[in-house]
Amino acid sequence: MGDGIGGPVIGCLSGDTFEMSVTHYRKDNKAQYGKTERITIAKVDNPDNPEYEERSIDDLNRTLKGKFVTCNVQYRDQKTDRLVCNVFVQKPPEGF
């Protein structure tokens, strides 16, 4: 897909999947996205923890819950309706 979305992580569902409130969209996105999306992680870039290899839901919650992330969408899994994305932990946008 190559689209980009961003927003705060609401909560984690498993060691590699979380729910995100989608508050930001790239202007050139080709697909439509809901206000809440479930994201399965393809790759994580976290400057605070570059050796990210978390495996449990608790570890993922500590790493992502409440943080603002941007996601480069790779594709939507047709079986689960989840987005598979490269995830980047960011500083929240100004005024967020």
N, C-alpha and C. Protein backbone atom coordinates (compact mmCIF):
# COMPACT_ATOMS: atom_id res chain seq x y z
N MET A 1 0.82 -1.20 0.00
CA MET A 1 0.00 0.00 0.00
C MET A 1 0.86 1.26 0.00
N GLY A 2 1.77 1.39 0.99
CA GLY A 2 2.61 2.57 1.07
C GLY A 2 1.96 3.78 1.71
N ASP A 3 0.76 3.61 2.28
CA ASP A 3 0.07 4.71 2.95
C ASP A 3 0.67 4.95 4.33
N GLY A 4 0.34 6.10 4.92
CA GLY A 4 0.81 6.43 6.26
C GLY A 4 -0.31 6.94 7.14
N ILE A 5 -0.35 6.43 8.37
CA ILE A 5 -1.33 6.89 9.36
C ILE A 5 -0.60 7.09 10.68
N GLY A 6 -1.20 7.86 11.58
CA GLY A 6 -0.58 8.10 12.88
C GLY A 6 -1.62 8.33 13.95
N GLY A 7 -1.19 8.15 15.20
CA GLY A 7 -2.07 8.40 16.33
C GLY A 7 -1.57 7.70 17.57
N PRO A 8 -2.29 7.89 18.67
CA PRO A 8 -1.89 7.26 19.93
C PRO A 8 -2.30 5.79 19.98
N VAL A 9 -1.47 5.00 20.66
CA VAL A 9 -1.77 3.59 20.86
C VAL A 9 -2.75 3.49 22.03
N ILE A 10 -3.90 2.86 21.77
CA ILE A 10 -4.94 2.70 22.79
C ILE A 10 -4.59 1.56 23.74
N GLY A 11 -4.18 0.45 23.16
CA GLY A 11 -3.86 -0.72 23.96
C GLY A 11 -3.30 -1.82 23.09
N CYS A 12 -2.70 -2.81 23.71
CA CYS A 12 -2.09 -3.91 22.98
C CYS A 12 -2.96 -5.15 23.10
N LEU A 13 -3.05 -5.89 22.01
CA LEU A 13 -3.91 -7.06 21.96
C LEU A 13 -3.12 -8.36 22.05
N SER A 14 -1.85 -8.31 21.66
CA SER A 14 -0.96 -9.47 21.75
C SER A 14 0.47 -8.95 21.72
N GLY A 15 1.43 -9.84 21.62
CA GLY A 15 2.82 -9.42 21.60
C GLY A 15 3.25 -8.71 20.34
N ASP A 16 2.39 -8.74 19.29
CA ASP A 16 2.75 -8.05 18.04
C ASP A 16 1.60 -7.26 17.43
N THR A 17 0.51 -7.09 18.19
CA THR A 17 -0.67 -6.39 17.65
C THR A 17 -1.19 -5.39 18.67
N PHE A 18 -1.55 -4.20 18.18
CA PHE A 18 -2.11 -3.17 19.06
C PHE A 18 -3.24 -2.44 18.35
N GLU A 19 -4.00 -1.69 19.15
CA GLU A 19 -5.09 -0.88 18.62
C GLU A 19 -4.69 0.58 18.70
N MET A 20 -4.97 1.32 17.64
CA MET A 20 -4.54 2.71 17.55
C MET A 20 -5.72 3.60 17.18
N SER A 21 -5.78 4.77 17.80
CA SER A 21 -6.74 5.80 17.43
C SER A 21 -6.10 6.58 16.28
N VAL A 22 -6.67 6.49 15.09
CA VAL A 22 -6.09 7.14 13.92
C VAL A 22 -6.50 8.60 13.90
N THR A 23 -5.52 9.48 14.14
CA THR A 23 -5.79 10.92 14.18
C THR A 23 -5.10 11.68 13.06
N HIS A 24 -4.14 11.03 12.40
CA HIS A 24 -3.39 11.68 11.34
C HIS A 24 -3.29 10.76 10.12
N TYR A 25 -3.45 11.36 8.95
CA TYR A 25 -3.40 10.62 7.69
C TYR A 25 -2.45 11.34 6.74
N ARG A 26 -1.72 10.59 5.95
CA ARG A 26 -0.92 11.22 4.91
C ARG A 26 -1.87 11.66 3.79
N LYS A 27 -1.61 12.81 3.22
CA LYS A 27 -2.50 13.38 2.20
C LYS A 27 -2.60 12.53 0.95
N ASP A 28 -1.54 11.78 0.63
CA ASP A 28 -1.55 10.99 -0.61
C ASP A 28 -1.95 9.52 -0.39
N ASN A 29 -2.58 9.21 0.74
CA ASN A 29 -3.05 7.84 0.98
C ASN A 29 -4.00 7.39 -0.12
N LYS A 30 -3.90 6.13 -0.49
CA LYS A 30 -4.77 5.58 -1.52
C LYS A 30 -5.98 4.86 -0.93
N ALA A 31 -5.89 4.39 0.30
CA ALA A 31 -6.98 3.66 0.95
C ALA A 31 -7.62 4.51 2.04
N GLN A 32 -8.80 4.08 2.47
CA GLN A 32 -9.51 4.73 3.57
C GLN A 32 -9.23 3.95 4.86
N TYR A 33 -9.17 4.67 5.99
CA TYR A 33 -8.89 4.04 7.27
C TYR A 33 -9.92 4.48 8.29
N GLY A 34 -10.24 3.58 9.22
CA GLY A 34 -11.21 3.88 10.26
C GLY A 34 -10.61 4.77 11.34
N LYS A 35 -11.47 5.23 12.25
CA LYS A 35 -11.00 6.05 13.36
C LYS A 35 -10.16 5.23 14.33
N THR A 36 -10.41 3.93 14.37
CA THR A 36 -9.62 3.00 15.16
C THR A 36 -9.20 1.86 14.25
N GLU A 37 -7.92 1.51 14.30
CA GLU A 37 -7.41 0.40 13.48
C GLU A 37 -6.60 -0.54 14.36
N ARG A 38 -6.65 -1.81 14.01
CA ARG A 38 -5.79 -2.81 14.65
C ARG A 38 -4.57 -3.00 13.77
N ILE A 39 -3.40 -2.89 14.40
CA ILE A 39 -2.12 -2.91 13.68
C ILE A 39 -1.32 -4.14 14.11
N THR A 40 -0.86 -4.92 13.14
CA THR A 40 0.11 -5.98 13.40
C THR A 40 1.46 -5.45 12.97
N ILE A 41 2.44 -5.59 13.84
CA ILE A 41 3.75 -5.00 13.62
C ILE A 41 4.59 -5.85 12.68
N ALA A 42 5.08 -5.21 11.61
CA ALA A 42 6.06 -5.85 10.74
C ALA A 42 7.45 -5.52 11.27
N LYS A 43 7.64 -4.26 11.70
CA LYS A 43 8.92 -3.78 12.22
C LYS A 43 8.64 -2.58 13.10
N VAL A 44 9.45 -2.40 14.16
CA VAL A 44 9.30 -1.24 15.06
C VAL A 44 10.59 -0.46 15.08
N ASP A 45 10.48 0.86 14.98
CA ASP A 45 11.63 1.75 15.16
C ASP A 45 11.32 2.62 16.37
N ASN A 46 12.04 2.38 17.46
CA ASN A 46 11.84 3.13 18.68
C ASN A 46 13.19 3.67 19.14
N PRO A 47 13.43 4.98 18.98
CA PRO A 47 14.72 5.54 19.35
C PRO A 47 15.07 5.35 20.83
N ASP A 48 14.06 5.24 21.70
CA ASP A 48 14.32 5.04 23.12
C ASP A 48 14.73 3.60 23.43
N ASN A 49 14.40 2.69 22.54
CA ASN A 49 14.70 1.28 22.77
C ASN A 49 15.02 0.62 21.43
N PRO A 50 16.18 0.92 20.83
CA PRO A 50 16.49 0.44 19.49
C PRO A 50 16.63 -1.07 19.37
N GLU A 51 16.85 -1.74 20.47
CA GLU A 51 16.98 -3.20 20.44
C GLU A 51 15.63 -3.86 20.68
N TYR A 52 14.57 -3.31 20.14
CA TYR A 52 13.21 -3.81 20.39
C TYR A 52 13.05 -5.25 19.93
N GLU A 53 12.84 -6.14 20.90
CA GLU A 53 12.55 -7.53 20.58
C GLU A 53 11.53 -8.06 21.58
N GLU A 54 10.58 -7.23 21.92
CA GLU A 54 9.56 -7.62 22.90
C GLU A 54 8.73 -8.77 22.35
N ARG A 55 8.28 -9.62 23.26
CA ARG A 55 7.52 -10.77 22.81
C ARG A 55 6.19 -10.92 23.53
N SER A 56 6.01 -10.28 24.67
CA SER A 56 4.76 -10.45 25.41
C SER A 56 3.89 -9.21 25.29
N ILE A 57 2.62 -9.39 25.57
CA ILE A 57 1.68 -8.27 25.53
C ILE A 57 2.07 -7.22 26.57
N ASP A 58 2.57 -7.65 27.74
CA ASP A 58 2.99 -6.69 28.77
C ASP A 58 4.16 -5.84 28.29
N ASP A 59 5.13 -6.48 27.63
CA ASP A 59 6.28 -5.75 27.10
C ASP A 59 5.82 -4.74 26.05
N LEU A 60 4.92 -5.15 25.17
CA LEU A 60 4.44 -4.25 24.12
C LEU A 60 3.66 -3.08 24.73
N ASN A 61 2.85 -3.36 25.75
CA ASN A 61 2.12 -2.30 26.45
C ASN A 61 3.08 -1.28 27.04
N ARG A 62 4.15 -1.73 27.69
CA ARG A 62 5.13 -0.81 28.27
C ARG A 62 5.83 0.01 27.19
N THR A 63 6.04 -0.58 26.04
CA THR A 63 6.76 0.10 24.96
C THR A 63 5.88 1.09 24.20
N LEU A 64 4.59 0.74 23.96
CA LEU A 64 3.78 1.54 23.05
C LEU A 64 2.54 2.22 23.64
N LYS A 65 1.91 1.65 24.65
CA LYS A 65 0.62 2.18 25.11
C LYS A 65 0.72 3.65 25.49
N GLY A 66 -0.19 4.44 24.91
CA GLY A 66 -0.25 5.87 25.19
C GLY A 66 0.71 6.71 24.38
N LYS A 67 1.60 6.07 23.64
CA LYS A 67 2.56 6.82 22.83
C LYS A 67 1.99 7.10 21.45
N PHE A 68 2.49 8.17 20.83
CA PHE A 68 2.10 8.52 19.47
C PHE A 68 3.00 7.74 18.52
N VAL A 69 2.40 7.03 17.59
CA VAL A 69 3.16 6.27 16.61
C VAL A 69 2.70 6.62 15.20
N THR A 70 3.61 6.48 14.25
CA THR A 70 3.22 6.55 12.85
C THR A 70 3.43 5.16 12.26
N CYS A 71 2.59 4.83 11.30
CA CYS A 71 2.62 3.51 10.70
C CYS A 71 2.71 3.63 9.19
N ASN A 72 3.70 2.99 8.63
CA ASN A 72 3.78 2.85 7.17
C ASN A 72 3.08 1.54 6.84
N VAL A 73 1.93 1.67 6.19
CA VAL A 73 1.09 0.51 5.93
C VAL A 73 1.70 -0.33 4.81
N GLN A 74 1.91 -1.61 5.10
CA GLN A 74 2.40 -2.55 4.09
C GLN A 74 1.22 -3.15 3.33
N TYR A 75 0.20 -3.63 4.08
CA TYR A 75 -1.01 -4.18 3.47
C TYR A 75 -2.04 -4.44 4.56
N ARG A 76 -3.27 -4.69 4.15
CA ARG A 76 -4.34 -5.08 5.07
C ARG A 76 -4.54 -6.59 4.95
N ASP A 77 -4.42 -7.30 6.08
CA ASP A 77 -4.63 -8.74 6.10
C ASP A 77 -6.11 -9.00 5.89
N GLN A 78 -6.45 -9.67 4.82
CA GLN A 78 -7.86 -9.89 4.47
C GLN A 78 -8.57 -10.82 5.45
N LYS A 79 -7.84 -11.73 6.08
CA LYS A 79 -8.46 -12.66 7.03
C LYS A 79 -8.81 -12.00 8.35
N THR A 80 -7.93 -11.14 8.85
CA THR A 80 -8.13 -10.54 10.17
C THR A 80 -8.59 -9.08 10.10
N ASP A 81 -8.53 -8.46 8.93
CA ASP A 81 -8.84 -7.05 8.71
C ASP A 81 -7.88 -6.14 9.48
N ARG A 82 -6.70 -6.65 9.83
CA ARG A 82 -5.69 -5.85 10.50
C ARG A 82 -4.71 -5.29 9.48
N LEU A 83 -4.15 -4.12 9.81
CA LEU A 83 -3.12 -3.54 8.97
C LEU A 83 -1.77 -4.08 9.42
N VAL A 84 -0.95 -4.49 8.48
CA VAL A 84 0.42 -4.90 8.76
C VAL A 84 1.30 -3.70 8.42
N CYS A 85 2.05 -3.21 9.42
CA CYS A 85 2.74 -1.93 9.27
C CYS A 85 4.14 -1.95 9.87
N ASN A 86 4.99 -1.08 9.33
CA ASN A 86 6.22 -0.71 10.01
C ASN A 86 5.83 0.43 10.94
N VAL A 87 6.20 0.32 12.21
CA VAL A 87 5.74 1.25 13.25
C VAL A 87 6.91 2.08 13.75
N PHE A 88 6.67 3.39 13.88
CA PHE A 88 7.70 4.33 14.34
C PHE A 88 7.17 5.10 15.54
N VAL A 89 7.84 5.00 16.68
CA VAL A 89 7.46 5.76 17.87
C VAL A 89 7.93 7.19 17.66
N GLN A 90 7.01 8.16 17.85
CA GLN A 90 7.29 9.56 17.54
C GLN A 90 7.01 10.44 18.76
N LYS A 91 7.48 11.67 18.67
CA LYS A 91 7.02 12.69 19.61
C LYS A 91 5.65 13.13 19.08
N PRO A 92 4.68 13.37 19.98
CA PRO A 92 3.36 13.79 19.51
C PRO A 92 3.44 15.10 18.74
N PRO A 93 2.56 15.28 17.75
CA PRO A 93 2.53 16.55 17.02
C PRO A 93 2.17 17.72 17.96
N GLU A 94 2.60 18.90 17.59
CA GLU A 94 2.32 20.08 18.38
C GLU A 94 0.81 20.25 18.55
N GLY A 95 0.37 20.54 19.76
CA GLY A 95 -1.05 20.76 20.03
C GLY A 95 -1.82 19.47 20.23
N PHE A 96 -1.14 18.34 20.26
CA PHE A 96 -1.83 17.06 20.41
C PHE A 96 -2.12 16.79 21.86
